[in-house]
Amino acid sequence: MDTDKNQIDVVVIGELNVDIILDGIESFPVIGKEILAKRMSVTLGSSSAIFANNLSSLGPKVSFIGKVGEDNFAQVVLSILESRNVDTSRIIRSSSLSTGATIVLNYNQDRANITYPGAMHDLHLEDVDFDYLSRAGHMHFSSCFLQPGIRSDLVVLFRHTKELGLTTSFDAQWDPEEKWDLPLEELLPFVDLFLPNMKEFKFLTHSNTVEEGINKLKSYSNKIVIKNGIDGSLAWDGKEIIRQPAFINDRVVDCVGAGDSFNAGFIKDFIDNKPIKKCLETGALAGAVNTTMAGGITAFQNIETIRKIALERFNYTL
């Protein structure tokens, strides 16, 4: 069913894949040898999809524009998003492409990933329905380095989205080629929230410190929000740096999707016009809630589950 004007809070444009998560691994794989994992799960993956799923569970009305194959992995992706009330009517199903997959090797609070891009490589600017997009209040884009089909048109995408009157957010994510070549000076004027993590921010700005990176961007950027794991997060609001400590979880299950959950919490408050400090706090809480269960979406079944975890684990009333 189509969504009427003003009934979409956030449209997410981005990559879709499943995560095949392996836990309880005692060492790194070695060529020619075999190691064992104690647990495996197959669930919704990709930064964009985890963000959309968890943001919808927090309350906003969320829709998705992306591309999958016509295979079993696509059914996993679509069924989970639909179960969390994400509108999937603009997700393109391709009979000639396979849905992407990421193998996630979990090691305590860090991980190693191997991704098969599949249909993620084939999303293009012409796949974006701008009339449909104009019905939303906010657009979020993630993982540009995994989406070469649309990456070269990012400036056009964000400029046109701003011309339609939406607010925007952008999380570049990791560059597998580690080239970090984005036209930030052209792109960031159309990005209301730039949402890298600390490592990504330093690589993208070719800087050694936060202050150095902000000084390079501040003449043409808007708000910059930087995630830094257990060391918290910070935001540059155009005038000053605002810092937010992390909510400490002493029983971390894994950190898959924690940054995407932070984004969801932050943007939930941002689209409600909350102060940046409050957005940072809710983002930090959402990231911490994520780490209490395996995978990127398990803790975000619904708002009641999220509130229960927030209160019992972090003594926080959401």
Protein backbone atom coordinates (compact mmCIF):
# COMPACT_ATOMS: atom_id res chain seq x y z
CA MET A 1 0.00 0.00 0.00
CA ASP A 2 1.31 3.43 -0.92
CA THR A 3 2.19 5.93 1.77
CA ASP A 4 0.47 9.31 1.72
CA LYS A 5 2.23 12.65 1.86
CA ASN A 6 3.47 13.65 5.31
CA GLN A 7 3.09 10.08 6.59
CA ILE A 8 6.75 9.11 6.09
CA ASP A 9 9.15 10.38 8.74
CA VAL A 10 12.34 8.93 7.24
CA VAL A 11 13.21 7.38 3.88
CA VAL A 12 16.35 5.25 3.99
CA ILE A 13 18.29 4.79 0.75
CA GLY A 14 20.98 2.17 0.79
CA GLU A 15 22.29 -1.36 0.78
CA LEU A 16 20.43 -4.52 1.79
CA ASN A 17 21.95 -7.85 2.76
CA VAL A 18 21.82 -10.60 5.35
CA ASP A 19 24.37 -11.10 8.11
CA ILE A 20 25.65 -14.63 8.75
CA ILE A 21 27.05 -14.15 12.25
CA LEU A 22 29.57 -16.56 13.78
CA ASP A 23 30.20 -16.31 17.53
CA GLY A 24 32.43 -18.11 19.98
CA ILE A 25 35.47 -18.20 17.70
CA GLU A 26 38.74 -18.78 19.54
CA SER A 27 41.20 -17.68 16.84
CA PHE A 28 41.41 -16.06 13.41
CA PRO A 29 41.08 -18.30 10.33
CA VAL A 30 44.33 -19.50 8.77
CA ILE A 31 44.65 -20.54 5.12
CA GLY A 32 44.73 -24.30 4.83
CA LYS A 33 43.29 -24.85 8.30
CA GLU A 34 39.80 -25.02 9.80
CA ILE A 35 38.45 -23.49 13.00
CA LEU A 36 35.03 -23.78 14.63
CA ALA A 37 32.40 -21.30 15.76
CA LYS A 38 30.14 -22.16 18.69
CA ARG A 39 27.07 -20.27 17.40
CA MET A 40 25.66 -19.11 14.07
CA SER A 41 22.70 -16.88 13.20
CA VAL A 42 21.33 -15.58 9.92
CA THR A 43 19.58 -12.24 10.23
CA LEU A 44 19.05 -8.83 8.70
CA GLY A 45 22.35 -7.16 7.86
CA SER A 46 23.67 -3.96 6.28
CA SER A 47 24.07 -0.60 7.92
CA SER A 48 21.07 0.91 6.13
CA ALA A 49 18.68 -1.92 6.91
CA ILE A 50 19.68 -2.21 10.58
CA PHE A 51 19.23 1.55 10.91
CA ALA A 52 15.79 1.42 9.25
CA ASN A 53 14.65 -1.53 11.34
CA ASN A 54 15.75 -0.03 14.65
CA LEU A 55 14.51 3.47 13.89
CA SER A 56 11.08 2.06 13.03
CA SER A 57 11.06 0.12 16.31
CA LEU A 58 11.71 3.41 18.13
CA GLY A 59 8.51 4.88 16.66
CA PRO A 60 9.06 6.92 13.46
CA LYS A 61 7.42 5.86 10.19
CA VAL A 62 10.22 4.53 7.99
CA SER A 63 10.41 3.55 4.32
CA PHE A 64 13.24 1.98 2.33
CA ILE A 65 14.61 2.38 -1.21
CA GLY A 66 17.08 -0.33 -2.21
CA LYS A 67 17.61 -3.46 -4.29
CA VAL A 68 17.65 -7.20 -3.59
CA GLY A 69 17.50 -10.40 -5.63
CA GLU A 70 14.65 -12.88 -5.81
CA ASP A 71 16.13 -15.47 -3.47
CA ASN A 72 15.89 -16.79 0.07
CA PHE A 73 18.14 -14.05 1.46
CA ALA A 74 15.79 -11.44 -0.03
CA GLN A 75 12.89 -13.05 1.80
CA VAL A 76 14.81 -12.80 5.08
CA VAL A 77 15.49 -9.09 4.46
CA LEU A 78 11.97 -8.18 3.39
CA SER A 79 10.12 -10.24 6.00
CA ILE A 80 12.12 -8.78 8.89
CA LEU A 81 11.75 -5.18 7.70
CA GLU A 82 8.02 -5.65 7.14
CA SER A 83 7.64 -7.22 10.60
CA ARG A 84 9.04 -3.99 12.06
CA ASN A 85 6.60 -1.88 9.98
CA VAL A 86 9.19 -0.58 7.50
CA ASP A 87 7.55 0.20 4.13
CA THR A 88 9.32 -2.04 1.58
CA SER A 89 7.17 -1.09 -1.43
CA ARG A 90 10.10 0.79 -3.06
CA ILE A 91 12.61 -2.03 -2.70
CA ILE A 92 13.41 -3.36 -6.18
CA ARG A 93 13.49 -7.14 -6.66
CA SER A 94 15.87 -8.22 -9.44
CA SER A 95 15.67 -11.66 -11.04
CA SER A 96 19.18 -11.33 -12.45
CA LEU A 97 21.00 -10.40 -9.23
CA SER A 98 21.63 -12.09 -5.89
CA THR A 99 20.97 -10.51 -2.53
CA GLY A 100 24.18 -9.53 -0.75
CA ALA A 101 25.54 -11.30 2.32
CA THR A 102 28.10 -10.50 5.01
CA ILE A 103 29.96 -13.12 7.02
CA VAL A 104 30.53 -11.61 10.48
CA LEU A 105 33.27 -13.10 12.67
CA ASN A 106 32.70 -11.83 16.21
CA TYR A 107 35.61 -11.42 18.60
CA ASN A 108 34.47 -9.90 21.91
CA GLN A 109 33.74 -6.19 21.18
CA ASP A 110 35.21 -6.20 17.68
CA ARG A 111 34.64 -8.16 14.50
CA ALA A 112 35.92 -9.01 11.05
CA ASN A 113 33.56 -8.93 8.07
CA ILE A 114 33.57 -10.45 4.58
CA THR A 115 30.86 -9.10 2.24
CA TYR A 116 29.49 -10.33 -1.07
CA PRO A 117 27.81 -7.18 -2.47
CA GLY A 118 25.39 -8.72 -4.96
CA ALA A 119 22.50 -6.37 -5.72
CA MET A 120 24.03 -3.65 -3.53
CA HIS A 121 26.38 -2.80 -6.39
CA ASP A 122 23.46 -2.20 -8.74
CA LEU A 123 21.43 0.53 -7.02
CA HIS A 124 21.46 3.67 -9.20
CA LEU A 125 20.17 7.22 -8.98
CA GLU A 126 17.42 6.39 -11.49
CA ASP A 127 16.12 3.79 -9.02
CA VAL A 128 15.20 6.57 -6.60
CA ASP A 129 11.58 7.76 -6.91
CA PHE A 130 11.94 11.44 -6.02
CA ASP A 131 8.20 12.02 -6.04
CA TYR A 132 7.89 9.35 -3.38
CA LEU A 133 10.92 10.76 -1.54
CA SER A 134 9.27 14.20 -1.43
CA ARG A 135 6.59 12.77 0.88
CA ALA A 136 9.11 12.29 3.68
CA GLY A 137 10.61 14.65 6.21
CA HIS A 138 14.13 13.16 6.32
CA MET A 139 16.42 11.05 4.10
CA HIS A 140 19.25 8.84 5.40
CA PHE A 141 21.97 7.30 3.21
CA SER A 142 24.62 4.84 4.34
CA SER A 143 27.54 2.74 3.07
CA CYS A 144 28.45 4.63 -0.09
CA PHE A 145 31.63 2.59 -0.67
CA LEU A 146 29.56 -0.60 -1.05
CA GLN A 147 27.30 1.03 -3.65
CA PRO A 148 29.35 2.11 -6.68
CA GLY A 149 26.20 2.34 -8.82
CA ILE A 150 25.00 5.41 -6.94
CA ARG A 151 28.19 6.66 -5.28
CA SER A 152 29.19 8.95 -8.14
CA ASP A 153 25.76 10.62 -7.93
CA LEU A 154 25.76 11.29 -4.19
CA VAL A 155 26.04 15.05 -4.60
CA VAL A 156 23.09 15.05 -7.02
CA LEU A 157 21.06 12.82 -4.69
CA PHE A 158 21.63 14.99 -1.62
CA ARG A 159 21.24 18.30 -3.45
CA HIS A 160 17.93 17.26 -4.99
CA THR A 161 16.73 15.87 -1.66
CA LYS A 162 17.45 19.21 0.02
CA GLU A 163 15.66 21.01 -2.82
CA LEU A 164 12.60 18.88 -1.99
CA GLY A 165 12.70 20.26 1.54
CA LEU A 166 13.94 17.22 3.46
CA THR A 167 16.59 17.12 6.15
CA THR A 168 19.39 14.64 5.45
CA SER A 169 21.92 12.38 7.14
CA PHE A 170 24.92 10.51 5.76
CA ASP A 171 27.03 7.69 7.23
CA ALA A 172 29.78 6.81 4.76
CA GLN A 173 30.88 3.66 6.66
CA TRP A 174 34.10 1.78 6.01
CA ASP A 175 35.87 1.89 2.65
CA PRO A 176 36.98 -1.71 1.84
CA GLU A 177 39.56 -0.31 -0.61
CA GLU A 178 40.73 2.21 2.02
CA LYS A 179 41.03 5.03 -0.50
CA TRP A 180 38.57 7.33 1.32
CA ASP A 181 38.06 9.55 -1.71
CA LEU A 182 34.73 11.35 -1.28
CA PRO A 183 33.96 14.86 -2.59
CA LEU A 184 33.19 16.13 0.91
CA GLU A 185 33.45 19.82 -0.04
CA GLU A 186 30.73 19.34 -2.66
CA LEU A 187 28.62 16.88 -0.66
CA LEU A 188 28.52 18.08 2.95
CA PRO A 189 26.72 21.41 2.30
CA PHE A 190 23.66 19.24 1.50
CA VAL A 191 24.12 16.93 4.52
CA ASP A 192 22.50 18.08 7.76
CA LEU A 193 24.06 15.26 9.81
CA PHE A 194 27.41 13.72 8.91
CA LEU A 195 27.67 10.53 11.03
CA PRO A 196 31.06 8.75 10.76
CA ASN A 197 32.77 6.83 13.51
CA MET A 198 36.11 8.05 14.80
CA LYS A 199 38.33 5.92 12.53
CA GLU A 200 36.26 6.75 9.46
CA PHE A 201 36.26 10.47 10.29
CA LYS A 202 40.05 10.60 10.57
CA PHE A 203 40.55 8.69 7.33
CA LEU A 204 37.94 10.71 5.43
CA THR A 205 39.44 14.02 6.56
CA HIS A 206 43.08 12.81 6.46
CA SER A 207 43.44 14.05 10.02
CA ASN A 208 45.08 12.81 13.21
CA THR A 209 42.65 14.44 15.65
CA VAL A 210 38.98 15.39 15.84
CA GLU A 211 39.87 19.06 16.07
CA GLU A 212 42.04 18.92 12.97
CA GLY A 213 39.29 17.18 11.00
CA ILE A 214 36.58 19.59 12.12
CA ASN A 215 38.77 22.55 11.20
CA LYS A 216 39.07 21.15 7.68
CA LEU A 217 35.29 20.65 7.30
CA LYS A 218 33.67 23.44 9.26
CA SER A 219 33.61 26.03 6.47
CA TYR A 220 31.28 23.90 4.33
CA SER A 221 29.70 21.31 6.65
CA ASN A 222 26.67 21.42 8.91
CA LYS A 223 26.44 19.19 12.00
CA ILE A 224 29.12 16.52 12.45
CA VAL A 225 28.41 13.60 14.79
CA ILE A 226 31.25 11.18 15.59
CA LYS A 227 30.81 7.77 17.27
CA ASN A 228 33.69 6.38 19.29
CA GLY A 229 32.51 3.15 20.95
CA ILE A 230 33.06 2.89 24.69
CA ASP A 231 34.74 6.31 24.60
CA GLY A 232 31.37 7.89 23.81
CA SER A 233 30.43 10.26 21.04
CA LEU A 234 30.60 13.91 20.16
CA ALA A 235 28.95 16.47 17.92
CA TRP A 236 30.11 19.65 16.25
CA ASP A 237 27.06 21.94 16.05
CA GLY A 238 28.78 24.68 14.05
CA LYS A 239 30.04 26.50 17.14
CA GLU A 240 31.36 24.00 19.66
CA ILE A 241 32.07 20.33 20.36
CA ILE A 242 29.47 18.64 22.56
CA ARG A 243 30.53 15.36 24.19
CA GLN A 244 28.45 12.40 25.33
CA PRO A 245 29.78 9.49 27.40
CA ALA A 246 28.81 5.96 26.46
CA PHE A 247 26.29 3.95 28.43
CA ILE A 248 28.49 1.14 29.74
CA ASN A 249 27.26 -2.40 29.25
CA ASP A 250 29.35 -4.80 31.35
CA ARG A 251 27.80 -7.83 29.61
CA VAL A 252 28.33 -7.09 25.93
CA VAL A 253 27.03 -9.86 23.66
CA ASP A 254 28.37 -8.27 20.46
CA CYS A 255 28.65 -4.87 18.80
CA VAL A 256 27.17 -5.70 15.39
CA GLY A 257 25.08 -2.70 14.32
CA ALA A 258 25.82 -0.61 17.41
CA GLY A 259 26.78 2.41 15.31
CA ASP A 260 23.65 2.07 13.19
CA SER A 261 21.55 1.86 16.36
CA PHE A 262 23.26 5.02 17.61
CA ASN A 263 22.26 6.70 14.34
CA ALA A 264 18.66 5.53 14.82
CA GLY A 265 18.46 6.92 18.34
CA PHE A 266 20.08 10.20 17.34
CA ILE A 267 17.83 10.75 14.32
CA LYS A 268 14.70 9.77 16.25
CA ASP A 269 15.27 12.84 18.43
CA PHE A 270 16.68 14.99 15.62
CA ILE A 271 13.50 14.77 13.53
CA ASP A 272 11.57 15.73 16.68
CA ASN A 273 13.69 18.90 16.90
CA LYS A 274 15.35 17.89 20.17
CA PRO A 275 18.59 19.64 21.24
CA ILE A 276 21.82 18.07 19.98
CA LYS A 277 22.81 17.03 23.51
CA LYS A 278 19.56 15.06 23.86
CA CYS A 279 20.06 13.50 20.42
CA LEU A 280 23.54 12.36 21.48
CA GLU A 281 22.18 10.87 24.70
CA THR A 282 19.44 8.90 22.96
CA GLY A 283 21.93 7.77 20.31
CA ALA A 284 24.34 6.55 22.98
CA LEU A 285 21.53 4.70 24.74
CA ALA A 286 20.36 3.03 21.52
CA GLY A 287 23.92 1.93 20.73
CA ALA A 288 24.27 0.42 24.20
CA VAL A 289 20.88 -1.33 24.02
CA ASN A 290 22.06 -2.91 20.77
CA THR A 291 25.00 -4.61 22.51
CA THR A 292 22.80 -6.47 25.01
CA MET A 293 21.69 -9.07 22.43
CA ALA A 294 23.28 -10.80 19.46
CA GLY A 295 23.19 -9.10 16.06
CA GLY A 296 22.12 -5.66 15.00
CA ILE A 297 18.33 -5.87 15.48
CA THR A 298 17.51 -8.44 18.19
CA ALA A 299 17.22 -5.89 21.00
CA PHE A 300 14.94 -3.69 18.86
CA GLN A 301 11.87 -5.94 18.62
CA ASN A 302 9.53 -3.11 19.64
CA ILE A 303 9.49 0.03 21.76
CA GLU A 304 8.41 -1.91 24.87
CA THR A 305 11.44 -4.22 24.63
CA ILE A 306 13.77 -1.25 24.12
CA ARG A 307 12.33 0.62 27.11
CA LYS A 308 12.63 -2.47 29.31
CA ILE A 309 16.30 -2.95 28.41
CA ALA A 310 17.02 0.77 28.85
CA LEU A 311 15.49 0.78 32.33
CA GLU A 312 16.80 -2.55 33.62
CA ARG A 313 20.31 -2.41 32.16
CA PHE A 314 21.05 1.32 32.08
CA ASN A 315 18.59 2.82 34.57
CA TYR A 316 17.28 5.11 31.85
CA THR A 317 13.65 5.94 31.07
CA LEU A 318 13.17 6.26 27.32
